[in-house]
């Protein structure tokens, strides 16, 4: 199975959250030697999306997990999520 890239995650999240600001960081280098690192990647994502307006942090994270669902667990071993709404002008 091909390892996921930052570009793979960015594309998937961009499709799920149109008009979002998305940043994806590959933290795999921080987990070298960790047994779970062999089964999937370690990532950190920041998604700023209008879709999160009025939602709790838990609900926002659930939307991100849903967007990545078939990659969890498996191609993604661990993911840290920062999900925010845009700040107005």
N, C-alpha and C. Protein backbone atom coordinates (compact mmCIF):
# COMPACT_ATOMS: atom_id res chain seq x y z
N UNK A 1 0.84 -1.18 0.00
CA UNK A 1 0.00 0.00 0.00
C UNK A 1 0.89 1.25 0.00
N UNK A 2 0.57 2.19 -0.88
CA UNK A 2 1.34 3.42 -1.02
C UNK A 2 1.13 4.31 0.20
N UNK A 3 2.21 4.86 0.71
CA UNK A 3 2.12 5.78 1.85
C UNK A 3 1.40 7.06 1.43
N UNK A 4 0.65 7.61 2.35
CA UNK A 4 -0.04 8.87 2.08
C UNK A 4 0.95 10.02 2.10
N UNK A 5 0.67 11.02 1.29
CA UNK A 5 1.50 12.21 1.26
C UNK A 5 0.69 13.39 1.79
N UNK A 6 1.38 14.47 2.05
CA UNK A 6 0.74 15.72 2.44
C UNK A 6 -0.25 16.14 1.35
N UNK A 7 0.15 15.95 0.10
CA UNK A 7 -0.72 16.32 -1.02
C UNK A 7 -1.99 15.47 -1.06
N UNK A 8 -1.88 14.17 -0.74
CA UNK A 8 -3.06 13.30 -0.69
C UNK A 8 -4.07 13.81 0.33
N UNK A 9 -3.59 14.11 1.53
CA UNK A 9 -4.48 14.59 2.58
C UNK A 9 -5.06 15.95 2.25
N UNK A 10 -4.24 16.83 1.70
CA UNK A 10 -4.72 18.16 1.33
C UNK A 10 -5.83 18.06 0.29
N UNK A 11 -5.65 17.21 -0.70
CA UNK A 11 -6.68 17.03 -1.74
C UNK A 11 -7.96 16.46 -1.16
N UNK A 12 -7.85 15.47 -0.30
CA UNK A 12 -9.05 14.85 0.29
C UNK A 12 -9.80 15.86 1.14
N UNK A 13 -9.09 16.59 1.98
CA UNK A 13 -9.75 17.59 2.84
C UNK A 13 -10.32 18.74 2.01
N UNK A 14 -9.61 19.13 0.96
CA UNK A 14 -10.11 20.19 0.08
C UNK A 14 -11.41 19.81 -0.60
N UNK A 15 -11.55 18.54 -0.96
CA UNK A 15 -12.79 18.06 -1.56
C UNK A 15 -13.94 18.03 -0.57
N UNK A 16 -13.62 17.73 0.68
CA UNK A 16 -14.65 17.65 1.72
C UNK A 16 -15.05 19.01 2.27
N UNK A 17 -14.11 19.95 2.24
CA UNK A 17 -14.35 21.28 2.81
C UNK A 17 -13.99 22.37 1.79
N UNK A 18 -14.90 22.59 0.82
CA UNK A 18 -14.64 23.65 -0.16
C UNK A 18 -14.48 24.99 0.56
N UNK A 19 -13.68 25.85 0.00
CA UNK A 19 -13.43 27.20 0.53
C UNK A 19 -12.67 27.19 1.85
N UNK A 20 -12.09 26.06 2.20
CA UNK A 20 -11.34 25.96 3.46
C UNK A 20 -9.88 26.33 3.25
N UNK A 21 -9.28 26.81 4.31
CA UNK A 21 -7.83 26.98 4.37
C UNK A 21 -7.31 25.70 5.02
N UNK A 22 -6.42 25.00 4.34
CA UNK A 22 -5.97 23.70 4.81
C UNK A 22 -4.45 23.66 4.86
N UNK A 23 -3.94 23.20 5.98
CA UNK A 23 -2.50 22.96 6.14
C UNK A 23 -2.34 21.53 6.66
N UNK A 24 -1.45 20.80 6.05
CA UNK A 24 -1.18 19.42 6.46
C UNK A 24 0.32 19.29 6.70
N UNK A 25 0.66 18.67 7.82
CA UNK A 25 2.06 18.46 8.20
C UNK A 25 2.30 16.98 8.40
N UNK A 26 3.35 16.46 7.82
CA UNK A 26 3.74 15.07 8.01
C UNK A 26 4.69 15.01 9.20
N UNK A 27 4.23 14.42 10.29
CA UNK A 27 5.03 14.31 11.50
C UNK A 27 5.69 12.94 11.64
N UNK A 28 5.76 12.20 10.56
CA UNK A 28 6.32 10.85 10.59
C UNK A 28 7.74 10.81 11.12
N UNK A 29 8.53 11.83 10.81
CA UNK A 29 9.93 11.85 11.27
C UNK A 29 10.04 11.89 12.79
N UNK A 30 8.97 12.30 13.46
CA UNK A 30 8.96 12.35 14.93
C UNK A 30 8.66 10.99 15.55
N UNK A 31 8.26 10.03 14.72
CA UNK A 31 7.81 8.74 15.23
C UNK A 31 8.61 7.56 14.69
N UNK A 32 9.80 7.83 14.20
CA UNK A 32 10.65 6.76 13.69
C UNK A 32 10.94 5.77 14.82
N UNK A 33 10.73 4.51 14.54
CA UNK A 33 10.93 3.47 15.55
C UNK A 33 9.67 3.10 16.31
N UNK A 34 8.64 3.93 16.22
CA UNK A 34 7.36 3.64 16.87
C UNK A 34 6.69 2.52 16.09
N UNK A 35 6.26 1.45 16.76
CA UNK A 35 5.68 0.30 16.04
C UNK A 35 4.50 0.68 15.14
N UNK A 36 3.68 1.62 15.56
CA UNK A 36 2.53 2.03 14.75
C UNK A 36 2.92 2.76 13.49
N UNK A 37 4.12 3.30 13.44
CA UNK A 37 4.57 4.07 12.28
C UNK A 37 4.69 3.19 11.04
N UNK A 38 4.81 1.87 11.24
CA UNK A 38 4.91 0.96 10.11
C UNK A 38 3.58 0.76 9.41
N UNK A 39 2.47 0.94 10.13
CA UNK A 39 1.15 0.67 9.55
C UNK A 39 0.51 1.89 8.92
N UNK A 40 0.95 3.07 9.24
CA UNK A 40 0.35 4.28 8.67
C UNK A 40 1.09 5.51 9.12
N UNK A 41 0.74 6.63 8.51
CA UNK A 41 1.44 7.86 8.78
C UNK A 41 0.96 8.60 10.01
N UNK A 42 1.76 9.55 10.43
CA UNK A 42 1.44 10.46 11.53
C UNK A 42 1.34 11.85 10.94
N UNK A 43 0.17 12.47 11.10
CA UNK A 43 -0.07 13.76 10.49
C UNK A 43 -0.68 14.74 11.48
N UNK A 44 -0.54 16.01 11.12
CA UNK A 44 -1.18 17.11 11.86
C UNK A 44 -1.86 17.96 10.81
N UNK A 45 -3.14 18.29 11.02
CA UNK A 45 -3.88 19.09 10.05
C UNK A 45 -4.50 20.31 10.73
N UNK A 46 -4.57 21.38 9.96
CA UNK A 46 -5.26 22.59 10.38
C UNK A 46 -6.25 22.91 9.27
N UNK A 47 -7.54 22.92 9.62
CA UNK A 47 -8.60 23.19 8.65
C UNK A 47 -9.41 24.36 9.18
N UNK A 48 -9.49 25.43 8.39
CA UNK A 48 -10.30 26.59 8.74
C UNK A 48 -11.40 26.64 7.70
N UNK A 49 -12.63 26.30 8.12
CA UNK A 49 -13.71 26.13 7.15
C UNK A 49 -15.02 26.75 7.62
N UNK A 50 -15.75 27.38 6.71
CA UNK A 50 -17.07 27.90 7.04
C UNK A 50 -18.02 26.79 7.52
N UNK A 51 -17.78 25.56 7.07
CA UNK A 51 -18.64 24.43 7.45
C UNK A 51 -18.63 24.17 8.96
N UNK A 52 -17.64 24.68 9.66
CA UNK A 52 -17.53 24.44 11.10
C UNK A 52 -18.32 25.45 11.94
N UNK A 53 -18.88 26.46 11.32
CA UNK A 53 -19.60 27.51 12.07
C UNK A 53 -20.70 26.91 12.93
N UNK A 54 -20.71 27.28 14.19
CA UNK A 54 -21.74 26.84 15.12
C UNK A 54 -21.56 25.45 15.67
N UNK A 55 -20.48 24.76 15.30
CA UNK A 55 -20.26 23.39 15.76
C UNK A 55 -19.28 23.36 16.93
N UNK A 56 -19.45 22.38 17.78
CA UNK A 56 -18.49 22.17 18.87
C UNK A 56 -17.19 21.60 18.30
N UNK A 57 -16.16 21.64 19.10
CA UNK A 57 -14.88 21.07 18.68
C UNK A 57 -15.04 19.60 18.32
N UNK A 58 -15.78 18.87 19.13
CA UNK A 58 -15.99 17.45 18.86
C UNK A 58 -16.68 17.23 17.52
N UNK A 59 -17.71 18.02 17.23
CA UNK A 59 -18.43 17.89 15.96
C UNK A 59 -17.52 18.23 14.78
N UNK A 60 -16.67 19.23 14.94
CA UNK A 60 -15.73 19.60 13.88
C UNK A 60 -14.75 18.46 13.60
N UNK A 61 -14.24 17.87 14.68
CA UNK A 61 -13.30 16.75 14.52
C UNK A 61 -13.99 15.56 13.87
N UNK A 62 -15.22 15.31 14.22
CA UNK A 62 -15.96 14.20 13.60
C UNK A 62 -16.09 14.40 12.10
N UNK A 63 -16.31 15.64 11.66
CA UNK A 63 -16.40 15.92 10.22
C UNK A 63 -15.08 15.62 9.52
N UNK A 64 -13.98 15.98 10.16
CA UNK A 64 -12.66 15.70 9.58
C UNK A 64 -12.43 14.19 9.53
N UNK A 65 -12.74 13.49 10.63
CA UNK A 65 -12.59 12.03 10.64
C UNK A 65 -13.45 11.39 9.56
N UNK A 66 -14.65 11.90 9.38
CA UNK A 66 -15.55 11.35 8.36
C UNK A 66 -14.94 11.53 6.96
N UNK A 67 -14.35 12.69 6.71
CA UNK A 67 -13.73 12.94 5.41
C UNK A 67 -12.56 12.00 5.13
N UNK A 68 -11.89 11.56 6.17
CA UNK A 68 -10.72 10.68 6.03
C UNK A 68 -11.04 9.22 6.37
N UNK A 69 -12.30 8.93 6.60
CA UNK A 69 -12.75 7.67 7.16
C UNK A 69 -12.11 6.41 6.63
N UNK A 70 -12.02 6.24 5.31
CA UNK A 70 -11.49 4.99 4.78
C UNK A 70 -9.96 4.89 4.93
N UNK A 71 -9.32 5.96 5.36
CA UNK A 71 -7.88 5.93 5.61
C UNK A 71 -7.57 5.73 7.10
N UNK A 72 -8.61 5.69 7.93
CA UNK A 72 -8.45 5.56 9.39
C UNK A 72 -9.09 4.26 9.87
N UNK A 73 -8.52 3.45 10.69
CA UNK A 73 -7.08 3.34 10.80
C UNK A 73 -6.56 2.64 9.56
N UNK A 74 -5.32 2.66 9.39
CA UNK A 74 -4.71 2.03 8.22
C UNK A 74 -3.65 2.93 7.66
N UNK A 75 -4.01 3.68 6.63
CA UNK A 75 -3.03 4.55 5.99
C UNK A 75 -2.65 5.73 6.88
N UNK A 76 -3.55 6.08 7.80
CA UNK A 76 -3.23 7.09 8.81
C UNK A 76 -3.22 6.39 10.15
N UNK A 77 -2.09 6.41 10.82
CA UNK A 77 -2.00 5.81 12.15
C UNK A 77 -2.43 6.80 13.22
N UNK A 78 -2.03 8.06 13.06
CA UNK A 78 -2.36 9.08 14.05
C UNK A 78 -2.52 10.42 13.35
N UNK A 79 -3.49 11.20 13.86
CA UNK A 79 -3.72 12.53 13.28
C UNK A 79 -4.11 13.50 14.39
N UNK A 80 -3.49 14.65 14.38
CA UNK A 80 -3.86 15.74 15.30
C UNK A 80 -4.63 16.75 14.47
N UNK A 81 -5.77 17.19 14.99
CA UNK A 81 -6.67 18.05 14.22
C UNK A 81 -6.85 19.39 14.92
N UNK A 82 -6.70 20.45 14.15
CA UNK A 82 -7.08 21.79 14.58
C UNK A 82 -8.14 22.23 13.58
N UNK A 83 -9.37 22.39 14.04
CA UNK A 83 -10.50 22.73 13.16
C UNK A 83 -11.14 24.03 13.65
N UNK A 84 -11.08 25.06 12.81
CA UNK A 84 -11.56 26.38 13.21
C UNK A 84 -12.48 26.97 12.15
N UNK A 85 -13.20 28.00 12.56
CA UNK A 85 -14.00 28.77 11.59
C UNK A 85 -13.19 30.00 11.19
N UNK A 86 -13.45 30.52 9.99
CA UNK A 86 -12.75 31.73 9.57
C UNK A 86 -13.09 32.92 10.47
N UNK A 87 -12.14 33.80 10.60
CA UNK A 87 -12.35 35.03 11.36
C UNK A 87 -12.86 36.07 10.38
N UNK A 88 -13.91 36.79 10.77
CA UNK A 88 -14.50 37.79 9.89
C UNK A 88 -13.56 38.95 9.63
N UNK A 89 -13.95 39.81 8.66
CA UNK A 89 -13.10 40.96 8.31
C UNK A 89 -12.95 41.94 9.41
